[in-house]
Amino acid sequence: MSTQQVTFQECNTQFAKVFDRVLKNHEVISVYKEPEQGIVILDAKEYSSLVETLYLLSNPANRDRLLRRDFATSTRSSKRNRC
């Protein structure tokens, strides 16, 4: 997932193009007005996925369980690839 930067002016005049880029290319667009003023535009499915991941990892017990499962899966996968 790459992040592209556009100015507020560019986003304002070409919003339909920016919208299509986000949806078709799965781009994340950073829109800035001034150095400290900016927003990020991303696909709603990507956003939902990020929020769900943050929620799942916010509980220490759940995070540890998920990380152990991920580690076990990657370990099994690397053992199969050595054969």
N, C-alpha and C. Protein backbone atom coordinates (compact mmCIF):
# COMPACT_ATOMS: atom_id res chain seq x y z
N MET A 1 0.85 -1.16 0.00
CA MET A 1 0.00 0.00 0.00
C MET A 1 0.90 1.23 0.00
N SER A 2 0.92 1.93 -1.11
CA SER A 2 1.76 3.11 -1.21
C SER A 2 0.95 4.38 -0.90
N THR A 3 1.64 5.39 -0.43
CA THR A 3 0.99 6.66 -0.13
C THR A 3 1.46 7.71 -1.12
N GLN A 4 0.51 8.36 -1.75
CA GLN A 4 0.81 9.43 -2.69
C GLN A 4 0.36 10.75 -2.06
N GLN A 5 1.11 11.81 -2.27
CA GLN A 5 0.74 13.12 -1.73
C GLN A 5 0.19 14.01 -2.83
N VAL A 6 -0.89 14.71 -2.49
CA VAL A 6 -1.44 15.73 -3.39
C VAL A 6 -1.77 16.95 -2.54
N THR A 7 -1.81 18.09 -3.19
CA THR A 7 -2.17 19.31 -2.48
C THR A 7 -3.69 19.39 -2.35
N PHE A 8 -4.14 20.21 -1.42
CA PHE A 8 -5.56 20.44 -1.26
C PHE A 8 -6.16 20.96 -2.56
N GLN A 9 -5.46 21.88 -3.19
CA GLN A 9 -5.92 22.47 -4.45
C GLN A 9 -6.11 21.39 -5.52
N GLU A 10 -5.12 20.51 -5.66
CA GLU A 10 -5.20 19.43 -6.65
C GLU A 10 -6.37 18.50 -6.34
N CYS A 11 -6.52 18.15 -5.08
CA CYS A 11 -7.61 17.27 -4.68
C CYS A 11 -8.97 17.93 -4.94
N ASN A 12 -9.04 19.22 -4.66
CA ASN A 12 -10.28 19.97 -4.84
C ASN A 12 -10.67 20.03 -6.32
N THR A 13 -9.72 20.26 -7.20
CA THR A 13 -10.04 20.39 -8.62
C THR A 13 -10.16 19.05 -9.34
N GLN A 14 -9.55 17.99 -8.77
CA GLN A 14 -9.54 16.68 -9.44
C GLN A 14 -10.05 15.58 -8.51
N PHE A 15 -11.07 15.89 -7.72
CA PHE A 15 -11.52 14.91 -6.73
C PHE A 15 -11.97 13.60 -7.35
N ALA A 16 -12.65 13.64 -8.46
CA ALA A 16 -13.11 12.40 -9.11
C ALA A 16 -11.92 11.51 -9.48
N LYS A 17 -10.85 12.11 -9.97
CA LYS A 17 -9.66 11.33 -10.32
C LYS A 17 -8.99 10.75 -9.08
N VAL A 18 -8.90 11.56 -8.03
CA VAL A 18 -8.31 11.08 -6.78
C VAL A 18 -9.15 9.92 -6.23
N PHE A 19 -10.46 10.08 -6.24
CA PHE A 19 -11.38 9.04 -5.76
C PHE A 19 -11.16 7.74 -6.54
N ASP A 20 -11.08 7.85 -7.87
CA ASP A 20 -10.87 6.66 -8.71
C ASP A 20 -9.52 6.01 -8.44
N ARG A 21 -8.48 6.81 -8.24
CA ARG A 21 -7.16 6.25 -7.94
C ARG A 21 -7.20 5.43 -6.66
N VAL A 22 -7.88 5.94 -5.66
CA VAL A 22 -7.98 5.22 -4.38
C VAL A 22 -8.70 3.90 -4.57
N LEU A 23 -9.81 3.93 -5.28
CA LEU A 23 -10.60 2.70 -5.46
C LEU A 23 -9.96 1.71 -6.43
N LYS A 24 -9.48 2.18 -7.56
CA LYS A 24 -8.96 1.27 -8.58
C LYS A 24 -7.57 0.74 -8.28
N ASN A 25 -6.70 1.60 -7.74
CA ASN A 25 -5.31 1.23 -7.52
C ASN A 25 -4.98 0.93 -6.07
N HIS A 26 -5.97 0.99 -5.21
CA HIS A 26 -5.78 0.78 -3.78
C HIS A 26 -4.70 1.69 -3.21
N GLU A 27 -4.67 2.92 -3.73
CA GLU A 27 -3.70 3.91 -3.25
C GLU A 27 -4.22 4.58 -1.98
N VAL A 28 -3.30 5.03 -1.19
CA VAL A 28 -3.62 5.89 -0.05
C VAL A 28 -3.15 7.28 -0.45
N ILE A 29 -4.04 8.24 -0.38
CA ILE A 29 -3.72 9.59 -0.81
C ILE A 29 -3.64 10.49 0.41
N SER A 30 -2.52 11.15 0.55
CA SER A 30 -2.32 12.13 1.62
C SER A 30 -2.56 13.51 1.02
N VAL A 31 -3.53 14.22 1.57
CA VAL A 31 -3.87 15.55 1.07
C VAL A 31 -3.42 16.56 2.12
N TYR A 32 -2.63 17.52 1.69
CA TYR A 32 -2.14 18.51 2.64
C TYR A 32 -2.49 19.91 2.18
N LYS A 33 -2.79 20.74 3.16
CA LYS A 33 -3.11 22.14 2.89
C LYS A 33 -1.93 23.01 3.28
N GLU A 34 -1.39 22.73 4.43
CA GLU A 34 -0.18 23.37 4.95
C GLU A 34 0.64 22.26 5.58
N PRO A 35 1.90 22.52 5.92
CA PRO A 35 2.73 21.44 6.46
C PRO A 35 2.11 20.65 7.62
N GLU A 36 1.39 21.29 8.48
CA GLU A 36 0.82 20.60 9.64
C GLU A 36 -0.67 20.30 9.49
N GLN A 37 -1.23 20.53 8.31
CA GLN A 37 -2.65 20.28 8.08
C GLN A 37 -2.81 19.30 6.94
N GLY A 38 -3.26 18.10 7.27
CA GLY A 38 -3.44 17.11 6.22
C GLY A 38 -4.45 16.06 6.61
N ILE A 39 -4.93 15.36 5.61
CA ILE A 39 -5.83 14.23 5.81
C ILE A 39 -5.35 13.07 4.94
N VAL A 40 -5.92 11.91 5.17
CA VAL A 40 -5.59 10.73 4.37
C VAL A 40 -6.88 10.18 3.80
N ILE A 41 -6.85 9.84 2.53
CA ILE A 41 -8.01 9.21 1.87
C ILE A 41 -7.62 7.79 1.53
N LEU A 42 -8.43 6.83 1.99
CA LEU A 42 -8.17 5.44 1.64
C LEU A 42 -9.48 4.71 1.44
N ASP A 43 -9.42 3.59 0.76
CA ASP A 43 -10.58 2.76 0.47
C ASP A 43 -11.27 2.35 1.78
N ALA A 44 -12.59 2.37 1.78
CA ALA A 44 -13.35 2.04 2.99
C ALA A 44 -13.06 0.62 3.49
N LYS A 45 -12.84 -0.32 2.57
CA LYS A 45 -12.52 -1.70 2.98
C LYS A 45 -11.15 -1.75 3.67
N GLU A 46 -10.20 -0.99 3.13
CA GLU A 46 -8.87 -0.92 3.76
C GLU A 46 -8.99 -0.33 5.16
N TYR A 47 -9.77 0.73 5.29
CA TYR A 47 -9.96 1.38 6.58
C TYR A 47 -10.59 0.40 7.58
N SER A 48 -11.63 -0.30 7.16
CA SER A 48 -12.28 -1.27 8.05
C SER A 48 -11.32 -2.35 8.50
N SER A 49 -10.48 -2.80 7.57
CA SER A 49 -9.49 -3.82 7.89
C SER A 49 -8.48 -3.30 8.92
N LEU A 50 -8.02 -2.06 8.75
CA LEU A 50 -7.08 -1.46 9.70
C LEU A 50 -7.71 -1.32 11.09
N VAL A 51 -8.96 -0.86 11.13
CA VAL A 51 -9.65 -0.68 12.41
C VAL A 51 -9.84 -2.03 13.10
N GLU A 52 -10.22 -3.05 12.34
CA GLU A 52 -10.40 -4.38 12.93
C GLU A 52 -9.08 -4.92 13.47
N THR A 53 -8.00 -4.74 12.72
CA THR A 53 -6.68 -5.19 13.18
C THR A 53 -6.28 -4.47 14.46
N LEU A 54 -6.47 -3.16 14.50
CA LEU A 54 -6.14 -2.41 15.72
C LEU A 54 -6.96 -2.89 16.90
N TYR A 55 -8.24 -3.16 16.66
CA TYR A 55 -9.10 -3.66 17.73
C TYR A 55 -8.62 -5.01 18.24
N LEU A 56 -8.32 -5.91 17.32
CA LEU A 56 -7.87 -7.25 17.72
C LEU A 56 -6.55 -7.21 18.48
N LEU A 57 -5.66 -6.30 18.08
CA LEU A 57 -4.35 -6.21 18.73
C LEU A 57 -4.37 -5.37 19.99
N SER A 58 -5.47 -4.67 20.26
CA SER A 58 -5.54 -3.80 21.44
C SER A 58 -5.68 -4.59 22.74
N ASN A 59 -6.18 -5.81 22.66
CA ASN A 59 -6.31 -6.67 23.83
C ASN A 59 -5.05 -7.52 23.94
N PRO A 60 -4.25 -7.35 25.01
CA PRO A 60 -2.98 -8.07 25.11
C PRO A 60 -3.10 -9.59 24.97
N ALA A 61 -4.12 -10.18 25.58
CA ALA A 61 -4.27 -11.64 25.50
C ALA A 61 -4.58 -12.07 24.07
N ASN A 62 -5.44 -11.32 23.41
CA ASN A 62 -5.79 -11.64 22.02
C ASN A 62 -4.58 -11.43 21.11
N ARG A 63 -3.85 -10.34 21.33
CA ARG A 63 -2.66 -10.05 20.53
C ARG A 63 -1.65 -11.18 20.65
N ASP A 64 -1.40 -11.64 21.88
CA ASP A 64 -0.43 -12.71 22.09
C ASP A 64 -0.87 -14.00 21.39
N ARG A 65 -2.16 -14.31 21.50
CA ARG A 65 -2.69 -15.51 20.86
C ARG A 65 -2.53 -15.43 19.34
N LEU A 66 -2.85 -14.27 18.76
CA LEU A 66 -2.71 -14.10 17.31
C LEU A 66 -1.26 -14.18 16.87
N LEU A 67 -0.36 -13.57 17.63
CA LEU A 67 1.05 -13.61 17.28
C LEU A 67 1.63 -15.02 17.40
N ARG A 68 1.21 -15.76 18.41
CA ARG A 68 1.66 -17.16 18.55
C ARG A 68 1.18 -17.98 17.36
N ARG A 69 -0.08 -17.79 16.96
CA ARG A 69 -0.63 -18.53 15.82
C ARG A 69 0.11 -18.16 14.55
N ASP A 70 0.39 -16.88 14.36
CA ASP A 70 1.11 -16.42 13.17
C ASP A 70 2.52 -17.00 13.14
N PHE A 71 3.19 -17.01 14.30
CA PHE A 71 4.54 -17.56 14.39
C PHE A 71 4.52 -19.05 14.07
N ALA A 72 3.54 -19.77 14.62
CA ALA A 72 3.45 -21.21 14.38
C ALA A 72 3.20 -21.49 12.90
N THR A 73 2.36 -20.69 12.28
CA THR A 73 2.07 -20.86 10.86
C THR A 73 3.31 -20.60 10.01
N SER A 74 4.03 -19.54 10.31
CA SER A 74 5.23 -19.23 9.52
C SER A 74 6.32 -20.26 9.75
N THR A 75 6.41 -20.82 10.94
CA THR A 75 7.41 -21.86 11.22
C THR A 75 7.11 -23.11 10.43
N ARG A 76 5.83 -23.52 10.41
CA ARG A 76 5.44 -24.70 9.63
C ARG A 76 5.70 -24.47 8.15
N SER A 77 5.40 -23.28 7.67
CA SER A 77 5.59 -22.95 6.26
C SER A 77 7.07 -23.00 5.87
N SER A 78 7.94 -22.49 6.72
CA SER A 78 9.38 -22.49 6.40
C SER A 78 9.93 -23.92 6.46
N LYS A 79 9.41 -24.77 7.34
CA LYS A 79 9.87 -26.16 7.38
C LYS A 79 9.49 -26.90 6.11
N ARG A 80 8.28 -26.62 5.57
CA ARG A 80 7.85 -27.27 4.35
C ARG A 80 8.69 -26.83 3.17
N ASN A 81 9.10 -25.57 3.15
CA ASN A 81 9.88 -25.05 2.03
C ASN A 81 11.29 -25.60 2.00
N ARG A 82 11.80 -26.09 3.13
CA ARG A 82 13.15 -26.65 3.17
C ARG A 82 13.22 -28.02 2.55
N CYS A 83 12.12 -28.74 2.51
CA CYS A 83 12.11 -30.12 1.98
C CYS A 83 12.27 -30.16 0.50
